[in-house]
């Protein structure tokens, strides 16, 4: 085997490598292009839903987002009684909609969580700063529960209208507005 026949496969491999280097992986943006929109992977009533908007029905819904809700994503329960569970934190928007909803967020909140119309229960669990975003019960008599290992949060917690109860463990340093604070 001559030196020329040994080099030819190496050069061919290098050419393929260089050609492949100019190809962007799927979902990558070229310089100056907007990045792909954020998406969440959730299930609605046991069926997988992926997208920038995850929406329930006008009736009872169970929405489960096992990898969190990224910024720019909206998870909405719609009407009726809804149970929304988010693991991995919320940086987007979680809205229970009309009806008495139960929303549980583990991993903290840097986005917006609102119960919507009706008497809602919002349970926010975090490791350090559980809430640096906004948690609102919405119109109605709501219970908001913020739990954290260090501080319950520096964000906004409001019951909105109605007779609202806020339970903090420990007491947050952010803006709080509830009729009863424990």
Protein backbone atom coordinates (compact mmCIF):
# COMPACT_ATOMS: atom_id res chain seq x y z
CA UNK A 1 0.00 0.00 0.00
CA UNK A 2 1.48 3.32 -1.02
CA UNK A 3 1.40 6.51 0.99
CA UNK A 4 -1.10 7.93 -1.48
CA UNK A 5 -3.62 5.11 -0.93
CA UNK A 6 -3.23 5.42 2.85
CA UNK A 7 -3.84 9.19 2.81
CA UNK A 8 -6.87 9.11 0.48
CA UNK A 9 -9.29 7.57 3.09
CA UNK A 10 -8.03 10.04 5.72
CA UNK A 11 -8.65 12.99 3.37
CA UNK A 12 -12.11 11.65 2.48
CA UNK A 13 -12.98 11.36 6.18
CA UNK A 14 -11.70 14.88 6.85
CA UNK A 15 -13.82 16.23 3.97
CA UNK A 16 -16.93 14.58 5.42
CA UNK A 17 -16.13 15.97 8.87
CA UNK A 18 -15.71 19.50 7.50
CA UNK A 19 -18.91 19.24 5.47
CA UNK A 20 -20.81 18.06 8.53
CA UNK A 21 -19.44 20.91 10.64
CA UNK A 22 -21.44 23.43 8.62
CA UNK A 23 -24.72 21.62 9.33
CA UNK A 24 -26.61 22.87 12.38
CA UNK A 25 -28.38 20.43 14.65
CA UNK A 26 -32.18 20.40 14.41
CA UNK A 27 -33.70 23.31 16.32
CA UNK A 28 -30.56 25.47 16.16
CA UNK A 29 -30.83 29.05 14.97
CA UNK A 30 -28.47 30.71 12.54
CA UNK A 31 -26.82 33.93 13.67
CA UNK A 32 -29.44 36.69 13.65
CA UNK A 33 -32.42 34.30 13.65
CA UNK A 34 -34.78 34.00 16.57
CA UNK A 35 -34.33 30.84 18.66
CA UNK A 36 -37.00 28.16 18.53
CA UNK A 37 -39.92 28.82 20.91
CA UNK A 38 -39.89 27.13 24.30
CA UNK A 39 -42.06 24.06 24.70
CA UNK A 40 -43.28 22.03 27.65
CA UNK A 41 -43.91 18.31 27.75
CA UNK A 42 -47.00 17.66 29.83
CA UNK A 43 -49.92 15.29 29.94
CA UNK A 44 -53.55 16.42 29.89
CA UNK A 45 -55.94 13.79 31.23
CA UNK A 46 -53.30 11.13 30.63
CA UNK A 47 -52.52 12.12 27.02
CA UNK A 48 -49.10 13.61 26.14
CA UNK A 49 -49.14 17.24 25.00
CA UNK A 50 -46.06 19.16 23.87
CA UNK A 51 -45.99 22.82 22.91
CA UNK A 52 -45.81 26.45 23.93
CA UNK A 53 -49.46 26.26 25.06
CA UNK A 54 -50.84 23.36 27.09
CA UNK A 55 -54.58 23.73 27.60
CA UNK A 56 -57.20 21.74 29.43
CA UNK A 57 -60.91 21.50 28.68
CA UNK A 58 -63.93 23.31 30.11
CA UNK A 59 -64.48 20.36 32.48
CA UNK A 60 -62.33 18.55 35.04
CA UNK A 61 -58.69 18.17 33.97
CA UNK A 62 -55.54 16.64 35.33
CA UNK A 63 -52.47 18.35 33.88
CA UNK A 64 -49.03 17.01 34.80
CA UNK A 65 -45.78 18.66 33.63
CA UNK A 66 -42.94 16.43 34.80
CA UNK A 67 -40.05 18.56 33.48
CA UNK A 68 -41.22 22.00 34.54
CA UNK A 69 -42.67 24.89 32.56
CA UNK A 70 -40.05 26.99 30.73
CA UNK A 71 -40.31 30.74 30.13
CA UNK A 72 -42.67 31.58 27.29
CA UNK A 73 -44.91 28.54 27.87
CA UNK A 74 -48.51 28.83 29.11
CA UNK A 75 -50.25 25.97 30.93
CA UNK A 76 -53.97 26.72 31.30
CA UNK A 77 -56.56 24.54 33.00
CA UNK A 78 -59.58 26.12 31.32
CA UNK A 79 -62.97 26.02 33.04
CA UNK A 80 -64.05 23.51 35.65
CA UNK A 81 -62.14 22.01 38.53
CA UNK A 82 -58.54 21.31 37.53
CA UNK A 83 -55.54 19.65 39.17
CA UNK A 84 -52.27 21.01 37.75
CA UNK A 85 -48.97 19.52 38.91
CA UNK A 86 -45.60 20.90 37.80
CA UNK A 87 -42.34 19.19 38.77
CA UNK A 88 -39.07 20.99 38.05
CA UNK A 89 -40.29 24.54 38.60
CA UNK A 90 -42.21 27.16 36.66
CA UNK A 91 -40.63 29.98 34.65
CA UNK A 92 -43.65 30.43 32.36
CA UNK A 93 -47.35 30.90 33.19
CA UNK A 94 -49.58 28.42 35.01
CA UNK A 95 -53.26 29.48 35.07
CA UNK A 96 -55.95 27.35 36.69
CA UNK A 97 -58.76 29.21 34.91
CA UNK A 98 -62.35 29.28 36.16
CA UNK A 99 -63.39 26.83 38.85
CA UNK A 100 -61.90 25.58 42.11
CA UNK A 101 -58.42 24.46 41.08
CA UNK A 102 -55.51 22.81 42.84
CA UNK A 103 -52.07 23.83 41.57
CA UNK A 104 -48.89 22.27 42.93
CA UNK A 105 -45.51 23.55 41.76
CA UNK A 106 -42.36 21.82 43.02
CA UNK A 107 -38.98 23.28 42.19
CA UNK A 108 -39.93 26.92 42.71
CA UNK A 109 -41.50 29.70 40.64
CA UNK A 110 -39.87 32.51 38.70
CA UNK A 111 -42.87 33.03 36.40
CA UNK A 112 -46.58 33.59 37.03
CA UNK A 113 -48.90 31.20 38.87
CA UNK A 114 -52.57 32.15 39.14
CA UNK A 115 -55.53 30.15 40.36
CA UNK A 116 -57.96 32.12 38.20
CA UNK A 117 -61.63 32.60 39.12
CA UNK A 118 -62.95 30.46 41.98
CA UNK A 119 -61.66 29.19 45.30
CA UNK A 120 -58.23 27.77 44.54
CA UNK A 121 -55.43 26.01 46.39
CA UNK A 122 -51.89 26.85 45.27
CA UNK A 123 -49.03 24.88 46.83
CA UNK A 124 -45.54 26.09 45.91
CA UNK A 125 -42.53 24.06 47.05
CA UNK A 126 -38.92 25.12 46.49
CA UNK A 127 -35.40 24.40 47.66
CA UNK A 128 -34.13 27.91 48.30
CA UNK A 129 -36.03 30.90 46.89
CA UNK A 130 -39.37 29.17 46.30
CA UNK A 131 -40.92 32.24 44.65
CA UNK A 132 -39.09 34.96 42.79
CA UNK A 133 -42.04 35.47 40.42
CA UNK A 134 -45.72 36.14 41.08
CA UNK A 135 -48.27 33.87 42.78
CA UNK A 136 -51.89 35.04 42.67
CA UNK A 137 -54.98 33.26 43.91
CA UNK A 138 -57.19 35.20 41.49
CA UNK A 139 -60.76 36.24 42.27
CA UNK A 140 -62.36 34.03 44.94
CA UNK A 141 -61.49 32.64 48.36
CA UNK A 142 -58.06 31.07 47.93
CA UNK A 143 -55.40 29.29 49.99
CA UNK A 144 -51.78 29.91 48.97
CA UNK A 145 -49.10 27.78 50.58
CA UNK A 146 -45.40 28.57 50.02
CA UNK A 147 -42.81 26.18 51.42
CA UNK A 148 -39.03 26.34 51.09
CA UNK A 149 -35.88 25.05 52.72
CA UNK A 150 -34.29 28.50 53.00
CA UNK A 151 -36.49 31.50 52.24
CA UNK A 152 -40.03 31.26 50.92
CA UNK A 153 -39.37 33.95 48.36
CA UNK A 154 -38.67 37.46 47.26
CA UNK A 155 -41.46 37.62 44.68
CA UNK A 156 -45.08 38.78 44.85
CA UNK A 157 -47.79 36.76 46.62
CA UNK A 158 -51.33 38.07 46.40
CA UNK A 159 -54.65 36.49 47.18
CA UNK A 160 -56.34 38.99 44.83
CA UNK A 161 -60.04 39.54 45.61
CA UNK A 162 -61.95 37.41 48.11
CA UNK A 163 -61.04 36.12 51.56
CA UNK A 164 -57.62 34.59 51.08
CA UNK A 165 -55.28 32.69 53.38
CA UNK A 166 -51.53 32.65 52.81
CA UNK A 167 -49.37 30.14 54.66
CA UNK A 168 -45.60 30.61 54.56
CA UNK A 169 -42.84 28.29 55.74
CA UNK A 170 -40.60 30.26 56.31
CA UNK A 171 -41.88 33.83 56.00
CA UNK A 172 -41.02 35.36 52.59
CA UNK A 173 -39.29 38.69 52.18
CA UNK A 174 -41.27 39.64 49.05
CA UNK A 175 -44.50 41.58 48.65
CA UNK A 176 -47.47 39.83 50.33
CA UNK A 177 -51.16 40.63 50.18
CA UNK A 178 -53.64 38.27 51.85
CA UNK A 179 -56.43 38.76 54.36
CA UNK A 180 -54.97 36.08 56.64
CA UNK A 181 -51.22 35.39 56.74
CA UNK A 182 -49.80 32.54 58.77
